[in-house]
Amino acid sequence: MLIIPITLAVIAIVVEFIERKTDRELNIDNQRERLIQNYFDFVSKLILENDLKISEPNDEVREIARLKH
């Protein structure tokens, strides 16, 4: 007779664990996505506004791009 309540309790614990793990993974994915987007925005700005595309190998803008990477 105790098997059903114990089984339900175990199932509830497992579901809660899975939900928390999924939430953590989703948060990590969102953080990674924001970091990647920020990086692309930064490099795009260097390319478009600071002439990274046409800069010389030792130009400051290239050093900044290398350091940011």
Protein backbone atom coordinates (compact mmCIF):
# COMPACT_ATOMS: atom_id res chain seq x y z
CA MET A 1 0.00 0.00 0.00
CA LEU A 2 2.94 2.37 0.55
CA ILE A 3 4.33 1.58 -2.87
CA ILE A 4 2.12 4.08 -4.72
CA PRO A 5 2.91 7.14 -2.54
CA ILE A 6 6.61 6.29 -2.50
CA THR A 7 6.62 5.82 -6.28
CA LEU A 8 4.84 9.15 -6.78
CA ALA A 9 7.32 10.89 -4.47
CA VAL A 10 10.27 9.42 -6.37
CA ILE A 11 8.75 10.44 -9.69
CA ALA A 12 8.19 13.99 -8.39
CA ILE A 13 11.81 14.20 -7.23
CA VAL A 14 13.11 12.94 -10.56
CA VAL A 15 10.91 15.37 -12.52
CA GLU A 16 12.08 18.27 -10.35
CA PHE A 17 15.73 17.26 -10.88
CA ILE A 18 15.24 17.09 -14.65
CA GLU A 19 13.50 20.48 -14.72
CA ARG A 20 16.30 22.12 -12.74
CA LYS A 21 18.95 20.56 -14.97
CA THR A 22 17.07 21.73 -18.07
CA ASP A 23 16.76 25.26 -16.64
CA ARG A 24 20.50 25.37 -15.89
CA GLU A 25 21.36 24.15 -19.37
CA LEU A 26 19.01 26.71 -20.91
CA ASN A 27 20.63 29.50 -18.87
CA ILE A 28 24.09 28.38 -19.96
CA ASP A 29 22.96 28.28 -23.59
CA ASN A 30 21.52 31.79 -23.29
CA GLN A 31 24.76 33.09 -21.76
CA ARG A 32 26.79 31.54 -24.56
CA GLU A 33 24.47 32.98 -27.17
CA ARG A 34 24.81 36.48 -25.65
CA LEU A 35 28.60 36.17 -25.56
CA ILE A 36 28.76 35.08 -29.18
CA GLN A 37 26.40 37.85 -30.26
CA ASN A 38 28.48 40.44 -28.35
CA TYR A 39 31.63 39.13 -30.04
CA PHE A 40 30.05 39.34 -33.50
CA ASP A 41 28.78 42.84 -32.78
CA PHE A 42 32.25 43.91 -31.63
CA VAL A 43 34.05 42.44 -34.64
CA SER A 44 31.43 43.84 -37.03
CA LYS A 45 32.00 47.28 -35.54
CA LEU A 46 35.75 46.90 -35.99
CA ILE A 47 35.29 45.84 -39.59
CA LEU A 48 32.75 48.49 -40.54
CA GLU A 49 33.70 51.48 -38.41
CA ASN A 50 37.41 51.00 -37.79
CA ASP A 51 38.46 49.72 -41.22
CA LEU A 52 39.68 46.34 -39.93
CA LYS A 53 39.17 44.86 -43.38
CA ILE A 54 41.69 47.19 -45.03
CA SER A 55 44.08 47.61 -42.11
CA GLU A 56 47.73 46.63 -42.18
CA PRO A 57 48.97 43.58 -40.22
CA ASN A 58 50.46 45.68 -37.40
CA ASP A 59 47.67 48.27 -37.12
CA GLU A 60 46.17 48.90 -33.69
CA VAL A 61 42.69 47.81 -34.81
CA ARG A 62 44.06 44.35 -35.66
CA GLU A 63 45.73 44.07 -32.28
CA ILE A 64 42.43 44.95 -30.61
CA ALA A 65 40.63 42.30 -32.69
CA ARG A 66 43.23 39.70 -31.71
CA LEU A 67 43.03 40.55 -28.01
CA LYS A 68 39.24 40.41 -27.99
CA HIS A 69 39.26 36.94 -29.51
